Amino acid sequence: MTSTPSETAPRRTAHPWLDSYLEHLLVVRGLSENSLSAYAADLTAFTDFLDEKKAPLEGVTQQSLSLYLFHLRRKGVKSRSLARYLSTLRGFFAWLEDEGLVQGNPSQYLENPKLPRKLPEVLSVEEMSAILQRPRTEEKLGYRDRTMLELLYAGGLRVSELIALKAFDFDPQVGVLKIFGKGAKERLVPIHYAAQEYLETYLRHWRPQFSPKQDFVFLNRSGKGLSRQAVWKCVKRYALEAGITRDISPHTFRHSFATHLLEGGADLRTVQILLGHSDITATEIYTHVQSGRLKRMHSQFHPRSGMKAKK
């Protein structure tokens, strides 16, 4: 079947440099359609600003970018969104420089907006155990749900990674999942023995009862792959049944996975690899866990810990 233009290339923009950059993101970096649309929107907003100022893209300077960020802030754009706009522009101008289309990167020395540090919502080990116990595993839907919840927590999977799983992505000999994350990046994630048992039993005994019409691991009543919304509703349902009224989502399982690993003694670099973060700065949001654990270890093992200072 021949793909339509919208399936094979990002939407055309008002400037050929933008079109070429979006094509680079699609072909070389393998970004998803949603990511491409977000990049296109951010860059088009910037070129629209330049058009209003009658300023050519070819002549953009650091001052031009500073004025644009000031313009966005005056419009009420918050720091987190400003950081996203700046990240998009940095990537774009770095590519232009690499391609020899501009001399120097005007975004290189712009300061990042200060972001409020928001710690992720995390479930305790007891809360996680309570949720995992809720599905009725004597029924096919319940067993499917228990297996999904086990994998979310055992592997720290994104919901998009969970619903994209196929049977051949699981190697039962070594207990490893092959995960295709953001940007089609592949990583291998080990899962513990209990999660392996649930997955093997589900694939062998329960999944055929869904009369599969697609080759995804997790199926709905019609035998087709689950949607993100279906997994989200599943998590919300079992969290409420477990008496947890906080705002819980599938991503909470991912945060809990990382937090519990660090609390158990894993290092940040290992957690980065397991989560599939390309940059360790994305994993550093969990460093509050490490600092707390280090304080407890220091208090427990330092020879002068517990000694009172002399007056």
Protein backbone atom coordinates (compact mmCIF):
# COMPACT_ATOMS: atom_id res chain seq x y z
CA MET A 1 0.00 0.00 0.00
CA THR A 2 1.31 3.47 -0.87
CA SER A 3 1.43 5.86 2.07
CA THR A 4 -0.18 9.26 1.85
CA PRO A 5 2.07 12.36 2.02
CA SER A 6 0.93 13.05 5.59
CA GLU A 7 2.20 9.62 6.64
CA THR A 8 5.61 9.90 5.01
CA ALA A 9 6.67 13.51 5.65
CA PRO A 10 5.92 16.34 8.04
CA ARG A 11 3.63 19.17 6.99
CA ARG A 12 5.25 21.77 4.72
CA THR A 13 6.13 25.10 6.33
CA ALA A 14 6.70 28.65 5.13
CA HIS A 15 10.50 28.30 4.89
CA PRO A 16 12.58 25.62 3.15
CA TRP A 17 15.06 25.50 6.07
CA LEU A 18 12.26 24.41 8.37
CA ASP A 19 11.11 21.79 5.88
CA SER A 20 14.63 20.38 5.61
CA TYR A 21 15.07 20.32 9.38
CA LEU A 22 11.75 18.52 9.92
CA GLU A 23 12.74 15.99 7.27
CA HIS A 24 16.02 15.48 9.17
CA LEU A 25 14.09 14.86 12.39
CA LEU A 26 11.88 12.35 10.61
CA VAL A 27 14.48 10.43 8.62
CA VAL A 28 17.63 10.66 10.72
CA ARG A 29 16.29 10.94 14.26
CA GLY A 30 13.12 8.93 13.67
CA LEU A 31 10.79 11.21 15.60
CA SER A 32 7.11 10.39 15.80
CA GLU A 33 4.37 12.26 13.95
CA ASN A 34 3.29 13.95 17.19
CA SER A 35 6.83 15.13 17.93
CA LEU A 36 7.24 16.45 14.39
CA SER A 37 3.98 18.38 14.67
CA ALA A 38 5.17 19.94 17.93
CA TYR A 39 8.51 20.98 16.39
CA ALA A 40 6.74 22.38 13.33
CA ALA A 41 4.35 24.41 15.49
CA ASP A 42 7.16 25.86 17.63
CA LEU A 43 9.32 26.80 14.65
CA THR A 44 6.40 28.23 12.68
CA ALA A 45 5.51 30.44 15.65
CA PHE A 46 9.07 31.76 15.59
CA THR A 47 9.09 32.48 11.84
CA ASP A 48 5.68 34.17 12.17
CA PHE A 49 7.25 36.47 14.78
CA LEU A 50 10.11 37.23 12.41
CA ASP A 51 7.66 37.98 9.59
CA GLU A 52 5.84 40.48 11.82
CA LYS A 53 9.16 42.20 12.52
CA LYS A 54 10.12 41.97 8.82
CA ALA A 55 13.29 40.16 9.91
CA PRO A 56 14.73 37.36 7.73
CA LEU A 57 15.45 33.96 9.25
CA GLU A 58 18.86 34.08 7.60
CA GLY A 59 19.85 37.09 9.73
CA VAL A 60 18.74 35.91 13.18
CA THR A 61 21.05 36.96 16.02
CA GLN A 62 21.18 36.26 19.74
CA GLN A 63 19.39 39.56 20.27
CA SER A 64 16.60 38.47 17.89
CA LEU A 65 16.09 35.29 19.94
CA SER A 66 16.14 37.22 23.21
CA LEU A 67 13.44 39.54 21.86
CA TYR A 68 11.36 36.54 20.82
CA LEU A 69 11.60 34.92 24.26
CA PHE A 70 10.70 38.28 25.84
CA HIS A 71 7.72 38.46 23.46
CA LEU A 72 6.57 34.99 24.57
CA ARG A 73 6.95 35.87 28.24
CA ARG A 74 4.85 39.02 27.77
CA LYS A 75 2.16 36.85 26.20
CA GLY A 76 2.04 34.84 29.42
CA VAL A 77 4.02 31.78 28.29
CA LYS A 78 5.26 29.98 31.40
CA SER A 79 8.88 29.02 32.12
CA ARG A 80 8.44 25.35 31.25
CA SER A 81 7.00 26.19 27.83
CA LEU A 82 9.70 28.83 27.30
CA ALA A 83 12.30 26.17 27.97
CA ARG A 84 10.68 23.94 25.34
CA TYR A 85 10.67 26.76 22.75
CA LEU A 86 14.33 27.48 23.49
CA SER A 87 15.26 23.81 23.23
CA THR A 88 13.56 23.61 19.83
CA LEU A 89 15.38 26.72 18.59
CA ARG A 90 18.73 25.48 19.87
CA GLY A 91 18.33 22.20 18.02
CA PHE A 92 17.28 23.99 14.86
CA PHE A 93 20.15 26.48 14.82
CA ALA A 94 22.70 23.81 15.76
CA TRP A 95 21.54 21.87 12.71
CA LEU A 96 21.72 24.99 10.51
CA GLU A 97 25.30 25.53 11.69
CA ASP A 98 26.24 21.89 11.02
CA GLU A 99 24.77 22.21 7.51
CA GLY A 100 26.77 25.38 6.88
CA LEU A 101 23.62 27.46 6.39
CA VAL A 102 24.53 29.93 9.16
CA GLN A 103 27.80 31.08 10.67
CA GLY A 104 27.66 30.35 14.40
CA ASN A 105 24.71 29.38 16.57
CA PRO A 106 22.86 32.48 17.86
CA SER A 107 21.04 30.41 20.51
CA GLN A 108 24.22 29.00 22.05
CA TYR A 109 24.64 31.47 24.92
CA LEU A 110 21.01 32.15 25.79
CA GLU A 111 20.20 31.39 29.44
CA ASN A 112 17.64 28.74 30.27
CA PRO A 113 14.54 29.98 32.10
CA LYS A 114 14.47 28.90 35.73
CA LEU A 115 12.05 26.02 36.17
CA PRO A 116 10.17 25.16 39.34
CA ARG A 117 11.41 21.81 40.62
CA LYS A 118 8.46 19.48 40.81
CA LEU A 119 9.04 16.07 42.34
CA PRO A 120 7.18 13.21 40.65
CA GLU A 121 4.22 11.52 42.31
CA VAL A 122 5.42 8.19 43.69
CA LEU A 123 3.63 5.23 45.23
CA SER A 124 5.03 3.52 48.29
CA VAL A 125 5.97 -0.15 48.06
CA GLU A 126 2.87 -0.97 50.13
CA GLU A 127 0.59 1.08 47.87
CA MET A 128 2.06 -0.56 44.78
CA SER A 129 1.50 -4.00 46.26
CA ALA A 130 -2.11 -3.10 47.09
CA ILE A 131 -2.80 -2.04 43.47
CA LEU A 132 -1.18 -5.15 42.03
CA GLN A 133 -3.43 -7.35 44.17
CA ARG A 134 -6.69 -5.82 42.89
CA PRO A 135 -7.24 -7.49 39.45
CA ARG A 136 -9.23 -10.76 39.52
CA THR A 137 -6.68 -13.12 38.01
CA GLU A 138 -9.18 -15.96 37.66
CA GLU A 139 -10.72 -14.03 34.74
CA LYS A 140 -9.08 -13.22 31.40
CA LEU A 141 -9.48 -9.43 31.74
CA GLY A 142 -8.21 -9.52 35.30
CA TYR A 143 -5.19 -11.62 34.37
CA ARG A 144 -4.44 -9.30 31.46
CA ASP A 145 -4.67 -6.28 33.75
CA ARG A 146 -2.45 -7.84 36.42
CA THR A 147 0.17 -8.65 33.78
CA MET A 148 0.07 -5.07 32.45
CA LEU A 149 0.45 -3.59 35.93
CA GLU A 150 3.30 -5.97 36.73
CA LEU A 151 5.18 -4.96 33.56
CA LEU A 152 4.64 -1.23 34.11
CA TYR A 153 6.22 -1.54 37.53
CA ALA A 154 8.81 -4.27 36.77
CA GLY A 155 10.24 -2.48 33.74
CA GLY A 156 9.40 1.20 34.28
CA LEU A 157 7.70 1.22 30.89
CA ARG A 158 5.97 4.19 29.33
CA VAL A 159 2.35 3.44 28.49
CA SER A 160 3.16 3.87 24.79
CA GLU A 161 5.87 1.21 25.15
CA LEU A 162 3.51 -1.15 26.97
CA ILE A 163 0.75 -1.06 24.37
CA ALA A 164 3.28 -1.44 21.52
CA LEU A 165 4.71 -4.67 22.96
CA LYS A 166 4.56 -7.76 20.75
CA ALA A 167 5.12 -11.34 21.82
CA PHE A 168 8.51 -11.62 20.11
CA ASP A 169 9.73 -8.60 22.12
CA PHE A 170 9.93 -10.88 25.17
CA ASP A 171 12.83 -13.30 25.57
CA PRO A 172 11.73 -15.84 28.20
CA GLN A 173 15.16 -17.50 28.24
CA VAL A 174 16.82 -14.46 29.84
CA GLY A 175 13.75 -12.59 31.12
CA VAL A 176 14.29 -9.47 29.05
CA LEU A 177 11.93 -7.17 27.15
CA LYS A 178 12.99 -5.43 23.95
CA ILE A 179 11.53 -1.93 24.19
CA PHE A 180 11.26 0.64 21.42
CA GLY A 181 11.14 4.00 23.17
CA LYS A 182 11.03 7.61 22.07
CA GLY A 183 12.64 8.25 18.72
CA ALA A 184 12.46 4.51 17.96
CA LYS A 185 15.42 3.95 20.28
CA GLU A 186 15.76 0.34 21.31
CA ARG A 187 16.70 -0.80 24.82
CA LEU A 188 16.67 -4.09 26.69
CA VAL A 189 14.87 -4.13 30.03
CA PRO A 190 15.15 -7.07 32.45
CA ILE A 191 12.04 -7.97 34.43
CA HIS A 192 11.88 -9.94 37.66
CA TYR A 193 10.78 -13.57 37.86
CA ALA A 194 7.22 -12.89 39.05
CA ALA A 195 6.56 -10.54 36.11
CA GLN A 196 8.05 -13.12 33.74
CA GLU A 197 5.68 -15.79 35.06
CA TYR A 198 2.65 -13.55 34.63
CA LEU A 199 3.66 -12.63 31.09
CA GLU A 200 4.43 -16.21 30.04
CA THR A 201 1.14 -17.52 31.47
CA TYR A 202 -0.83 -14.68 29.89
CA LEU A 203 0.73 -15.26 26.46
CA ARG A 204 0.27 -19.03 26.61
CA HIS A 205 -3.14 -19.37 28.25
CA TRP A 206 -5.12 -16.11 28.44
CA ARG A 207 -4.22 -14.07 25.34
CA PRO A 208 -5.61 -16.68 22.87
CA GLN A 209 -9.00 -16.28 24.58
CA PHE A 210 -9.18 -12.71 23.22
CA SER A 211 -9.32 -14.08 19.61
CA PRO A 212 -6.37 -11.88 18.53
CA LYS A 213 -6.83 -9.76 15.42
CA GLN A 214 -3.55 -7.88 15.96
CA ASP A 215 -0.17 -9.10 17.18
CA PHE A 216 0.12 -6.76 20.15
CA VAL A 217 0.58 -8.48 23.52
CA PHE A 218 -2.28 -6.68 25.27
CA LEU A 219 -5.68 -6.81 23.59
CA ASN A 220 -9.16 -5.48 24.20
CA ARG A 221 -12.39 -7.52 24.07
CA SER A 222 -12.37 -7.23 20.27
CA GLY A 223 -8.92 -8.76 19.97
CA LYS A 224 -7.26 -5.47 18.98
CA GLY A 225 -4.47 -3.55 20.68
CA LEU A 226 -5.28 -1.46 23.73
CA SER A 227 -5.30 2.32 23.64
CA ARG A 228 -3.41 4.58 26.05
CA GLN A 229 -6.76 5.67 27.50
CA ALA A 230 -7.71 2.06 28.25
CA VAL A 231 -4.51 1.51 30.26
CA TRP A 232 -4.99 4.84 32.05
CA LYS A 233 -8.54 3.87 33.07
CA CYS A 234 -7.29 0.49 34.23
CA VAL A 235 -4.68 2.06 36.50
CA LYS A 236 -7.17 4.59 37.90
CA ARG A 237 -9.71 1.87 38.61
CA TYR A 238 -7.39 -0.40 40.55
CA ALA A 239 -5.82 2.52 42.42
CA LEU A 240 -9.28 3.57 43.65
CA GLU A 241 -10.11 -0.03 44.58
CA ALA A 242 -6.89 -0.09 46.60
CA GLY A 243 -8.04 3.03 48.46
CA ILE A 244 -5.59 5.42 46.76
CA THR A 245 -7.37 8.68 45.94
CA ARG A 246 -4.35 10.67 44.67
CA ASP A 247 -4.04 11.41 40.95
CA ILE A 248 -2.42 8.19 39.73
CA SER A 249 -1.50 7.42 36.12
CA PRO A 250 0.55 4.76 34.31
CA HIS A 251 3.52 7.15 34.49
CA THR A 252 3.28 7.00 38.29
CA PHE A 253 4.37 3.36 37.99
CA ARG A 254 7.43 4.51 36.03
CA HIS A 255 8.31 7.10 38.67
CA SER A 256 7.82 4.51 41.41
CA PHE A 257 10.01 2.01 39.55
CA ALA A 258 12.90 4.51 39.39
CA THR A 259 12.43 5.68 42.97
CA HIS A 260 12.27 2.20 44.45
CA LEU A 261 15.39 1.13 42.52
CA LEU A 262 17.34 4.09 43.89
CA GLU A 263 16.04 3.47 47.38
CA GLY A 264 17.26 -0.11 47.05
CA GLY A 265 20.79 0.99 46.15
CA ALA A 266 20.83 1.30 42.33
CA ASP A 267 22.97 4.09 40.89
CA LEU A 268 21.56 6.91 38.79
CA ARG A 269 23.34 5.81 35.60
CA THR A 270 21.75 2.35 35.77
CA VAL A 271 18.29 3.86 36.26
CA GLN A 272 18.92 6.18 33.31
CA ILE A 273 19.63 3.19 31.05
CA LEU A 274 16.60 1.24 32.27
CA LEU A 275 14.28 4.23 31.75
CA GLY A 276 15.69 4.91 28.28
CA HIS A 277 16.64 8.52 29.02
CA SER A 278 19.12 9.78 26.41
CA ASP A 279 20.36 12.47 28.81
CA ILE A 280 21.03 11.85 32.49
CA THR A 281 19.62 15.28 33.34
CA ALA A 282 16.17 13.77 32.72
CA THR A 283 16.93 11.16 35.38
CA GLU A 284 18.28 13.66 37.91
CA ILE A 285 14.76 14.49 39.04
CA TYR A 286 15.13 11.38 41.21
CA THR A 287 18.30 12.56 42.96
CA HIS A 288 16.23 13.59 46.00
CA VAL A 289 15.86 9.86 46.63
CA GLN A 290 19.60 9.29 46.51
CA SER A 291 20.34 12.20 48.85
CA GLY A 292 17.88 10.84 51.40
CA ARG A 293 19.38 7.36 51.19
CA LEU A 294 22.91 8.73 51.52
CA LYS A 295 21.93 10.66 54.64
CA ARG A 296 20.50 7.51 56.20
CA MET A 297 23.63 5.53 55.32
CA HIS A 298 25.87 8.28 56.70
CA SER A 299 23.84 8.40 59.89
CA GLN A 300 23.96 4.62 60.24
CA PHE A 301 27.61 3.95 59.45
CA HIS A 302 29.71 7.03 60.23
CA PRO A 303 31.65 6.38 63.46
CA ARG A 304 30.78 9.76 64.93
CA SER A 305 27.14 9.68 63.92
CA GLY A 306 24.84 10.17 66.89
CA MET A 307 27.51 11.89 68.98
CA LYS A 308 26.43 15.21 70.45
CA ALA A 309 28.65 18.23 70.10
CA LYS A 310 30.34 19.38 73.28
CA LYS A 311 29.05 22.65 74.67
